Amino acid sequence: IDTIHSAKGQTHQATLVLETYFHQPDLSTILDFLVGRNNPSAGVRIRYQFLPLIYVACTRPTHLLCMAIESNHVNDRQIDELERFGWRIDELN
């Protein structure tokens, strides 16, 4: 287990990105980018300096990328969009 910073320039078979908080949840704020939209939804504050880190995290694995986002930070519309874009959504209890 390590940080995104340490993964730069390396390749892995699988990567797990856990949602963290810096004034707000980080992964749930970039859901629009995960479905190919470059402009966030109205009212969503994006920490744009976080996007390059997520890019690094998403481009390191060769087989599996898992993003763990707290379920109450994602609504049904966003889940539908993510699934249409090819993401597989599993809710863990």
N, C-alpha and C. Protein backbone atom coordinates (compact mmCIF):
# COMPACT_ATOMS: atom_id res chain seq x y z
N ILE A 1 0.86 -1.18 0.00
CA ILE A 1 0.00 0.00 0.00
C ILE A 1 0.90 1.22 0.00
N ASP A 2 0.59 2.15 -0.91
CA ASP A 2 1.41 3.34 -1.02
C ASP A 2 0.56 4.49 -1.54
N THR A 3 1.17 5.61 -1.78
CA THR A 3 0.46 6.80 -2.24
C THR A 3 0.48 6.89 -3.76
N ILE A 4 -0.39 7.74 -4.30
CA ILE A 4 -0.40 7.99 -5.74
C ILE A 4 0.94 8.55 -6.19
N HIS A 5 1.54 9.41 -5.38
CA HIS A 5 2.82 10.02 -5.74
C HIS A 5 3.88 8.96 -6.00
N SER A 6 3.88 7.89 -5.24
CA SER A 6 4.91 6.87 -5.40
C SER A 6 4.67 5.99 -6.61
N ALA A 7 3.47 6.02 -7.19
CA ALA A 7 3.15 5.17 -8.34
C ALA A 7 3.56 5.79 -9.66
N LYS A 8 3.92 7.04 -9.67
CA LYS A 8 4.27 7.72 -10.91
C LYS A 8 5.43 7.00 -11.59
N GLY A 9 5.23 6.66 -12.85
CA GLY A 9 6.27 5.98 -13.62
C GLY A 9 6.28 4.48 -13.44
N GLN A 10 5.42 3.94 -12.59
CA GLN A 10 5.36 2.50 -12.36
C GLN A 10 4.06 1.94 -12.95
N THR A 11 4.08 0.64 -13.21
CA THR A 11 2.89 -0.05 -13.67
C THR A 11 2.55 -1.14 -12.66
N HIS A 12 1.28 -1.34 -12.43
CA HIS A 12 0.80 -2.35 -11.49
C HIS A 12 -0.28 -3.18 -12.16
N GLN A 13 -0.53 -4.37 -11.64
CA GLN A 13 -1.65 -5.16 -12.17
C GLN A 13 -2.97 -4.59 -11.70
N ALA A 14 -3.01 -4.09 -10.48
CA ALA A 14 -4.26 -3.55 -9.94
C ALA A 14 -3.97 -2.34 -9.06
N THR A 15 -4.91 -1.42 -9.07
CA THR A 15 -4.80 -0.23 -8.23
C THR A 15 -6.14 0.01 -7.54
N LEU A 16 -6.08 0.27 -6.25
CA LEU A 16 -7.25 0.65 -5.47
C LEU A 16 -7.05 2.09 -5.02
N VAL A 17 -7.98 2.94 -5.41
CA VAL A 17 -7.94 4.35 -5.00
C VAL A 17 -9.05 4.55 -3.98
N LEU A 18 -8.68 4.93 -2.77
CA LEU A 18 -9.65 5.15 -1.70
C LEU A 18 -9.98 6.63 -1.60
N GLU A 19 -11.25 6.92 -1.44
CA GLU A 19 -11.67 8.31 -1.29
C GLU A 19 -11.14 8.86 0.03
N THR A 20 -10.58 10.05 -0.03
CA THR A 20 -10.10 10.74 1.16
C THR A 20 -10.78 12.11 1.22
N TYR A 21 -10.47 12.84 2.24
CA TYR A 21 -11.09 14.15 2.44
C TYR A 21 -10.00 15.21 2.58
N PHE A 22 -10.18 16.30 1.85
CA PHE A 22 -9.41 17.52 2.06
C PHE A 22 -10.42 18.64 1.90
N HIS A 23 -11.10 18.99 2.96
CA HIS A 23 -12.20 19.95 2.99
C HIS A 23 -13.48 19.40 2.37
N GLN A 24 -13.36 18.38 1.55
CA GLN A 24 -14.50 17.73 0.90
C GLN A 24 -14.03 16.38 0.39
N PRO A 25 -14.96 15.45 0.10
CA PRO A 25 -14.55 14.17 -0.46
C PRO A 25 -13.93 14.38 -1.84
N ASP A 26 -12.81 13.73 -2.11
CA ASP A 26 -12.13 14.01 -3.37
C ASP A 26 -12.68 13.23 -4.56
N LEU A 27 -12.86 11.94 -4.48
CA LEU A 27 -13.28 11.17 -5.66
C LEU A 27 -14.68 11.52 -6.13
N SER A 28 -15.59 11.77 -5.23
CA SER A 28 -16.96 12.08 -5.65
C SER A 28 -17.03 13.41 -6.40
N THR A 29 -16.05 14.27 -6.23
CA THR A 29 -16.06 15.55 -6.95
C THR A 29 -15.60 15.41 -8.40
N ILE A 30 -15.00 14.27 -8.75
CA ILE A 30 -14.50 14.12 -10.12
C ILE A 30 -15.33 13.13 -10.94
N LEU A 31 -16.52 12.78 -10.46
CA LEU A 31 -17.35 11.81 -11.18
C LEU A 31 -17.64 12.24 -12.61
N ASP A 32 -17.85 13.53 -12.85
CA ASP A 32 -18.09 14.01 -14.22
C ASP A 32 -16.91 13.67 -15.14
N PHE A 33 -15.70 13.78 -14.62
CA PHE A 33 -14.52 13.48 -15.42
C PHE A 33 -14.43 11.98 -15.72
N LEU A 34 -14.95 11.14 -14.82
CA LEU A 34 -14.90 9.68 -15.01
C LEU A 34 -15.86 9.21 -16.10
N VAL A 35 -16.82 10.05 -16.48
CA VAL A 35 -17.73 9.71 -17.57
C VAL A 35 -17.46 10.56 -18.81
N GLY A 36 -16.27 11.15 -18.87
CA GLY A 36 -15.85 11.84 -20.08
C GLY A 36 -16.23 13.29 -20.21
N ARG A 37 -16.84 13.87 -19.17
CA ARG A 37 -17.17 15.30 -19.23
C ARG A 37 -16.03 16.10 -18.64
N ASN A 38 -15.61 17.12 -19.35
CA ASN A 38 -14.51 17.95 -18.87
C ASN A 38 -14.99 19.11 -18.00
N ASN A 39 -16.30 19.31 -17.95
CA ASN A 39 -16.85 20.40 -17.14
C ASN A 39 -17.66 19.80 -16.00
N PRO A 40 -17.34 20.13 -14.77
CA PRO A 40 -18.09 19.58 -13.64
C PRO A 40 -19.52 20.11 -13.60
N SER A 41 -20.39 19.34 -12.98
CA SER A 41 -21.79 19.76 -12.80
C SER A 41 -21.85 21.04 -11.99
N ALA A 42 -22.93 21.77 -12.16
CA ALA A 42 -23.12 23.02 -11.42
C ALA A 42 -23.05 22.77 -9.92
N GLY A 43 -22.34 23.61 -9.24
CA GLY A 43 -22.26 23.53 -7.79
C GLY A 43 -21.16 22.61 -7.26
N VAL A 44 -20.47 21.89 -8.14
CA VAL A 44 -19.40 20.99 -7.70
C VAL A 44 -18.09 21.75 -7.69
N ARG A 45 -17.45 21.79 -6.54
CA ARG A 45 -16.14 22.43 -6.45
C ARG A 45 -15.06 21.39 -6.73
N ILE A 46 -14.21 21.66 -7.69
CA ILE A 46 -13.15 20.72 -8.07
C ILE A 46 -11.82 21.27 -7.62
N ARG A 47 -11.02 20.42 -7.01
CA ARG A 47 -9.63 20.79 -6.75
C ARG A 47 -8.84 20.34 -7.97
N TYR A 48 -8.60 21.24 -8.91
CA TYR A 48 -8.00 20.88 -10.18
C TYR A 48 -6.59 20.32 -10.02
N GLN A 49 -5.90 20.65 -8.92
CA GLN A 49 -4.58 20.07 -8.71
C GLN A 49 -4.68 18.58 -8.40
N PHE A 50 -5.86 18.10 -8.03
CA PHE A 50 -6.09 16.68 -7.74
C PHE A 50 -6.22 15.86 -9.03
N LEU A 51 -6.68 16.46 -10.11
CA LEU A 51 -6.91 15.73 -11.36
C LEU A 51 -5.65 15.05 -11.91
N PRO A 52 -4.48 15.69 -11.92
CA PRO A 52 -3.29 14.97 -12.39
C PRO A 52 -2.95 13.75 -11.52
N LEU A 53 -3.19 13.84 -10.23
CA LEU A 53 -2.94 12.69 -9.35
C LEU A 53 -3.87 11.53 -9.70
N ILE A 54 -5.13 11.83 -9.93
CA ILE A 54 -6.08 10.78 -10.31
C ILE A 54 -5.72 10.21 -11.67
N TYR A 55 -5.25 11.05 -12.58
CA TYR A 55 -4.80 10.55 -13.88
C TYR A 55 -3.68 9.52 -13.69
N VAL A 56 -2.71 9.84 -12.86
CA VAL A 56 -1.62 8.90 -12.58
C VAL A 56 -2.18 7.61 -12.00
N ALA A 57 -3.07 7.72 -11.02
CA ALA A 57 -3.64 6.52 -10.39
C ALA A 57 -4.41 5.67 -11.39
N CYS A 58 -5.14 6.30 -12.28
CA CYS A 58 -5.98 5.56 -13.24
C CYS A 58 -5.18 4.95 -14.39
N THR A 59 -4.00 5.44 -14.65
CA THR A 59 -3.23 4.93 -15.79
C THR A 59 -2.14 3.95 -15.38
N ARG A 60 -2.00 3.61 -14.11
CA ARG A 60 -0.97 2.68 -13.65
C ARG A 60 -1.37 1.21 -13.77
N PRO A 61 -2.62 0.82 -13.50
CA PRO A 61 -2.94 -0.61 -13.51
C PRO A 61 -3.06 -1.17 -14.93
N THR A 62 -2.66 -2.43 -15.06
CA THR A 62 -2.78 -3.12 -16.35
C THR A 62 -4.07 -3.94 -16.44
N HIS A 63 -4.64 -4.34 -15.29
CA HIS A 63 -5.80 -5.23 -15.31
C HIS A 63 -7.01 -4.72 -14.54
N LEU A 64 -6.81 -4.05 -13.42
CA LEU A 64 -7.94 -3.69 -12.58
C LEU A 64 -7.72 -2.32 -11.94
N LEU A 65 -8.73 -1.47 -12.07
CA LEU A 65 -8.75 -0.19 -11.38
C LEU A 65 -10.01 -0.17 -10.53
N CYS A 66 -9.86 0.05 -9.25
CA CYS A 66 -10.99 0.11 -8.32
C CYS A 66 -10.95 1.45 -7.62
N MET A 67 -12.08 2.12 -7.61
CA MET A 67 -12.20 3.37 -6.88
C MET A 67 -13.25 3.19 -5.80
N ALA A 68 -12.87 3.38 -4.56
CA ALA A 68 -13.78 3.22 -3.43
C ALA A 68 -14.31 4.59 -3.03
N ILE A 69 -15.59 4.80 -3.32
CA ILE A 69 -16.26 6.07 -3.03
C ILE A 69 -17.40 5.77 -2.07
N GLU A 70 -17.52 6.57 -1.04
CA GLU A 70 -18.59 6.38 -0.07
C GLU A 70 -19.95 6.45 -0.78
N SER A 71 -20.81 5.48 -0.53
CA SER A 71 -22.05 5.33 -1.30
C SER A 71 -22.98 6.55 -1.18
N ASN A 72 -22.95 7.23 -0.07
CA ASN A 72 -23.82 8.41 0.03
C ASN A 72 -23.25 9.63 -0.68
N HIS A 73 -22.11 9.49 -1.34
CA HIS A 73 -21.53 10.59 -2.13
C HIS A 73 -21.83 10.44 -3.62
N VAL A 74 -22.58 9.38 -3.98
CA VAL A 74 -22.92 9.12 -5.38
C VAL A 74 -24.43 8.91 -5.47
N ASN A 75 -25.07 9.61 -6.41
CA ASN A 75 -26.52 9.44 -6.54
C ASN A 75 -26.83 8.45 -7.68
N ASP A 76 -28.10 8.08 -7.81
CA ASP A 76 -28.51 7.09 -8.80
C ASP A 76 -28.21 7.53 -10.23
N ARG A 77 -28.40 8.81 -10.53
CA ARG A 77 -28.11 9.32 -11.88
C ARG A 77 -26.63 9.15 -12.20
N GLN A 78 -25.77 9.46 -11.24
CA GLN A 78 -24.34 9.31 -11.47
C GLN A 78 -23.96 7.85 -11.65
N ILE A 79 -24.57 6.96 -10.88
CA ILE A 79 -24.30 5.53 -11.03
C ILE A 79 -24.70 5.07 -12.42
N ASP A 80 -25.88 5.49 -12.90
CA ASP A 80 -26.32 5.13 -14.25
C ASP A 80 -25.34 5.63 -15.31
N GLU A 81 -24.88 6.87 -15.17
CA GLU A 81 -23.92 7.43 -16.13
C GLU A 81 -22.61 6.66 -16.11
N LEU A 82 -22.12 6.34 -14.91
CA LEU A 82 -20.87 5.59 -14.80
C LEU A 82 -21.00 4.22 -15.46
N GLU A 83 -22.12 3.54 -15.24
CA GLU A 83 -22.34 2.23 -15.85
C GLU A 83 -22.44 2.33 -17.36
N ARG A 84 -23.13 3.35 -17.88
CA ARG A 84 -23.22 3.55 -19.33
C ARG A 84 -21.84 3.81 -19.94
N PHE A 85 -20.98 4.43 -19.18
CA PHE A 85 -19.63 4.75 -19.66
C PHE A 85 -18.68 3.57 -19.51
N GLY A 86 -19.15 2.46 -18.91
CA GLY A 86 -18.35 1.26 -18.83
C GLY A 86 -17.83 0.89 -17.46
N TRP A 87 -18.14 1.70 -16.46
CA TRP A 87 -17.71 1.38 -15.10
C TRP A 87 -18.63 0.31 -14.53
N ARG A 88 -18.08 -0.61 -13.78
CA ARG A 88 -18.86 -1.60 -13.05
C ARG A 88 -18.98 -1.11 -11.61
N ILE A 89 -20.20 -1.00 -11.12
CA ILE A 89 -20.45 -0.48 -9.80
C ILE A 89 -20.86 -1.63 -8.88
N ASP A 90 -20.15 -1.81 -7.81
CA ASP A 90 -20.49 -2.79 -6.79
C ASP A 90 -20.61 -2.06 -5.46
N GLU A 91 -21.70 -2.31 -4.76
CA GLU A 91 -21.86 -1.70 -3.44
C GLU A 91 -21.53 -2.73 -2.38
N LEU A 92 -20.60 -2.38 -1.52
CA LEU A 92 -20.18 -3.26 -0.43
C LEU A 92 -20.87 -2.85 0.85
N ASN A 93 -21.31 -3.80 1.59
CA ASN A 93 -21.97 -3.50 2.86
C ASN A 93 -21.06 -3.85 4.01
